[in-house]
Amino acid sequence: MTQHVYKQIELTGSSTKSIDDAVKGAIERASKTLRNLNWFEITETRGHIEDGKVAHWQVTLKVGMRLED
């Protein structure tokens, strides 16, 4: 039985639409240059306010990549 080993990286995504969109954007962008992305964990959520409204969301993620055998 093969045991997997993972490397963790930290990403921060942002979006004017939603937290979900910020997460998806960060993962989609990272997947263009990184392989074996396997899981993520949201570690921080922030936002920017303009004129009393949320202008954008910023989400920091830990992302696990499975190391190749």
N, C-alpha and C. Protein backbone atom coordinates (compact mmCIF):
# COMPACT_ATOMS: atom_id res chain seq x y z
N MET A 1 0.84 -1.18 0.00
CA MET A 1 0.00 0.00 0.00
C MET A 1 0.88 1.24 0.00
N THR A 2 0.62 2.14 -0.91
CA THR A 2 1.39 3.38 -1.00
C THR A 2 0.84 4.42 -0.04
N GLN A 3 1.74 5.05 0.68
CA GLN A 3 1.35 6.15 1.56
C GLN A 3 1.68 7.45 0.84
N HIS A 4 0.77 8.40 0.88
CA HIS A 4 0.97 9.66 0.18
C HIS A 4 1.62 10.67 1.10
N VAL A 5 2.42 11.55 0.51
CA VAL A 5 3.05 12.66 1.21
C VAL A 5 2.59 13.94 0.52
N TYR A 6 2.29 14.95 1.31
CA TYR A 6 1.76 16.21 0.79
C TYR A 6 2.67 17.38 1.13
N LYS A 7 2.72 18.34 0.26
CA LYS A 7 3.38 19.62 0.50
C LYS A 7 2.28 20.66 0.61
N GLN A 8 2.41 21.57 1.57
CA GLN A 8 1.42 22.64 1.74
C GLN A 8 1.99 23.96 1.22
N ILE A 9 1.14 24.70 0.54
CA ILE A 9 1.48 26.05 0.14
C ILE A 9 0.36 26.97 0.60
N GLU A 10 0.62 28.26 0.58
CA GLU A 10 -0.40 29.22 0.96
C GLU A 10 -0.72 30.10 -0.24
N LEU A 11 -2.00 30.29 -0.50
CA LEU A 11 -2.47 31.13 -1.59
C LEU A 11 -3.44 32.16 -1.04
N THR A 12 -3.53 33.31 -1.69
CA THR A 12 -4.54 34.29 -1.36
C THR A 12 -5.25 34.68 -2.64
N GLY A 13 -6.56 34.50 -2.66
CA GLY A 13 -7.38 34.87 -3.82
C GLY A 13 -8.28 36.03 -3.47
N SER A 14 -8.67 36.80 -4.46
CA SER A 14 -9.58 37.92 -4.20
C SER A 14 -10.67 37.95 -5.26
N SER A 15 -11.79 38.56 -4.90
CA SER A 15 -12.93 38.65 -5.81
C SER A 15 -13.83 39.80 -5.39
N THR A 16 -14.44 40.43 -6.37
CA THR A 16 -15.45 41.45 -6.08
C THR A 16 -16.82 40.81 -5.90
N LYS A 17 -16.95 39.50 -6.22
CA LYS A 17 -18.25 38.83 -6.17
C LYS A 17 -18.53 38.15 -4.83
N SER A 18 -17.61 37.24 -4.40
CA SER A 18 -17.91 36.43 -3.22
C SER A 18 -16.66 35.74 -2.69
N ILE A 19 -16.78 35.20 -1.48
CA ILE A 19 -15.72 34.38 -0.90
C ILE A 19 -15.50 33.15 -1.77
N ASP A 20 -16.58 32.52 -2.17
CA ASP A 20 -16.51 31.32 -3.02
C ASP A 20 -15.74 31.61 -4.30
N ASP A 21 -16.01 32.74 -4.91
CA ASP A 21 -15.34 33.11 -6.16
C ASP A 21 -13.85 33.36 -5.91
N ALA A 22 -13.50 33.93 -4.77
CA ALA A 22 -12.09 34.15 -4.43
C ALA A 22 -11.36 32.83 -4.26
N VAL A 23 -11.99 31.87 -3.61
CA VAL A 23 -11.40 30.54 -3.42
C VAL A 23 -11.22 29.85 -4.77
N LYS A 24 -12.28 29.83 -5.57
CA LYS A 24 -12.21 29.17 -6.87
C LYS A 24 -11.16 29.80 -7.76
N GLY A 25 -11.06 31.12 -7.74
CA GLY A 25 -10.07 31.81 -8.56
C GLY A 25 -8.65 31.46 -8.17
N ALA A 26 -8.37 31.40 -6.87
CA ALA A 26 -7.04 31.05 -6.40
C ALA A 26 -6.67 29.62 -6.81
N ILE A 27 -7.59 28.70 -6.64
CA ILE A 27 -7.32 27.29 -6.98
C ILE A 27 -7.18 27.11 -8.48
N GLU A 28 -8.05 27.74 -9.26
CA GLU A 28 -7.96 27.60 -10.72
C GLU A 28 -6.65 28.16 -11.24
N ARG A 29 -6.23 29.31 -10.70
CA ARG A 29 -4.97 29.91 -11.15
C ARG A 29 -3.79 29.02 -10.76
N ALA A 30 -3.77 28.54 -9.54
CA ALA A 30 -2.67 27.68 -9.08
C ALA A 30 -2.59 26.40 -9.89
N SER A 31 -3.74 25.85 -10.27
CA SER A 31 -3.75 24.58 -11.00
C SER A 31 -3.17 24.70 -12.41
N LYS A 32 -2.97 25.93 -12.89
CA LYS A 32 -2.36 26.11 -14.21
C LYS A 32 -0.86 25.84 -14.18
N THR A 33 -0.23 25.99 -13.01
CA THR A 33 1.22 25.79 -12.93
C THR A 33 1.64 24.73 -11.91
N LEU A 34 0.72 24.25 -11.10
CA LEU A 34 1.04 23.24 -10.09
C LEU A 34 0.26 21.97 -10.36
N ARG A 35 0.85 20.83 -9.99
CA ARG A 35 0.20 19.54 -10.20
C ARG A 35 -0.26 18.95 -8.88
N ASN A 36 -1.18 18.03 -8.98
CA ASN A 36 -1.62 17.19 -7.85
C ASN A 36 -2.23 17.98 -6.69
N LEU A 37 -2.90 19.10 -6.99
CA LEU A 37 -3.61 19.81 -5.92
C LEU A 37 -4.68 18.88 -5.40
N ASN A 38 -4.75 18.72 -4.07
CA ASN A 38 -5.60 17.68 -3.53
C ASN A 38 -6.63 18.18 -2.53
N TRP A 39 -6.30 19.18 -1.73
CA TRP A 39 -7.23 19.67 -0.71
C TRP A 39 -6.92 21.14 -0.39
N PHE A 40 -7.85 21.81 0.26
CA PHE A 40 -7.59 23.17 0.72
C PHE A 40 -8.29 23.42 2.05
N GLU A 41 -7.79 24.42 2.76
CA GLU A 41 -8.37 24.85 4.03
C GLU A 41 -8.33 26.37 4.06
N ILE A 42 -9.46 27.00 4.31
CA ILE A 42 -9.51 28.46 4.42
C ILE A 42 -8.95 28.84 5.79
N THR A 43 -7.93 29.70 5.79
CA THR A 43 -7.30 30.10 7.05
C THR A 43 -7.62 31.55 7.43
N GLU A 44 -7.97 32.37 6.46
CA GLU A 44 -8.29 33.77 6.73
C GLU A 44 -9.28 34.29 5.71
N THR A 45 -10.16 35.16 6.17
CA THR A 45 -11.10 35.83 5.27
C THR A 45 -11.10 37.31 5.63
N ARG A 46 -10.91 38.14 4.62
CA ARG A 46 -10.91 39.58 4.81
C ARG A 46 -11.74 40.23 3.71
N GLY A 47 -12.09 41.47 3.92
CA GLY A 47 -12.82 42.21 2.90
C GLY A 47 -12.46 43.67 2.93
N HIS A 48 -12.80 44.35 1.86
CA HIS A 48 -12.56 45.78 1.74
C HIS A 48 -13.92 46.48 1.59
N ILE A 49 -14.09 47.56 2.32
CA ILE A 49 -15.36 48.29 2.30
C ILE A 49 -15.17 49.63 1.61
N GLU A 50 -16.07 49.93 0.69
CA GLU A 50 -16.11 51.24 0.03
C GLU A 50 -17.54 51.74 0.04
N ASP A 51 -17.73 52.96 0.48
CA ASP A 51 -19.07 53.60 0.51
C ASP A 51 -20.09 52.74 1.25
N GLY A 52 -19.66 52.10 2.34
CA GLY A 52 -20.56 51.31 3.16
C GLY A 52 -20.95 49.96 2.58
N LYS A 53 -20.26 49.53 1.53
CA LYS A 53 -20.55 48.24 0.90
C LYS A 53 -19.28 47.43 0.75
N VAL A 54 -19.44 46.10 0.68
CA VAL A 54 -18.28 45.24 0.45
C VAL A 54 -17.80 45.45 -0.98
N ALA A 55 -16.55 45.88 -1.11
CA ALA A 55 -15.98 46.12 -2.44
C ALA A 55 -15.30 44.87 -3.00
N HIS A 56 -14.62 44.13 -2.12
CA HIS A 56 -14.06 42.85 -2.56
C HIS A 56 -13.73 41.99 -1.35
N TRP A 57 -13.62 40.69 -1.62
CA TRP A 57 -13.26 39.68 -0.63
C TRP A 57 -11.84 39.22 -0.90
N GLN A 58 -11.13 38.89 0.18
CA GLN A 58 -9.79 38.31 0.06
C GLN A 58 -9.73 37.10 0.99
N VAL A 59 -9.35 35.95 0.44
CA VAL A 59 -9.37 34.69 1.19
C VAL A 59 -7.99 34.03 1.09
N THR A 60 -7.43 33.67 2.25
CA THR A 60 -6.15 32.97 2.29
C THR A 60 -6.42 31.49 2.54
N LEU A 61 -5.74 30.65 1.77
CA LEU A 61 -5.94 29.20 1.81
C LEU A 61 -4.62 28.47 2.02
N LYS A 62 -4.67 27.37 2.75
CA LYS A 62 -3.61 26.37 2.72
C LYS A 62 -4.04 25.37 1.67
N VAL A 63 -3.14 25.01 0.78
CA VAL A 63 -3.45 24.04 -0.26
C VAL A 63 -2.45 22.90 -0.17
N GLY A 64 -2.96 21.67 -0.19
CA GLY A 64 -2.11 20.49 -0.14
C GLY A 64 -1.92 19.90 -1.52
N MET A 65 -0.65 19.64 -1.85
CA MET A 65 -0.30 19.00 -3.13
C MET A 65 0.33 17.65 -2.81
N ARG A 66 -0.18 16.61 -3.44
CA ARG A 66 0.39 15.27 -3.24
C ARG A 66 1.68 15.17 -4.02
N LEU A 67 2.76 14.81 -3.34
CA LEU A 67 4.04 14.64 -4.01
C LEU A 67 4.01 13.40 -4.88
N GLU A 68 4.63 13.48 -6.03
CA GLU A 68 4.64 12.35 -6.95
C GLU A 68 5.57 11.25 -6.44
N ASP A 69 5.20 10.01 -6.75
CA ASP A 69 6.01 8.86 -6.33
C ASP A 69 7.25 8.76 -7.19
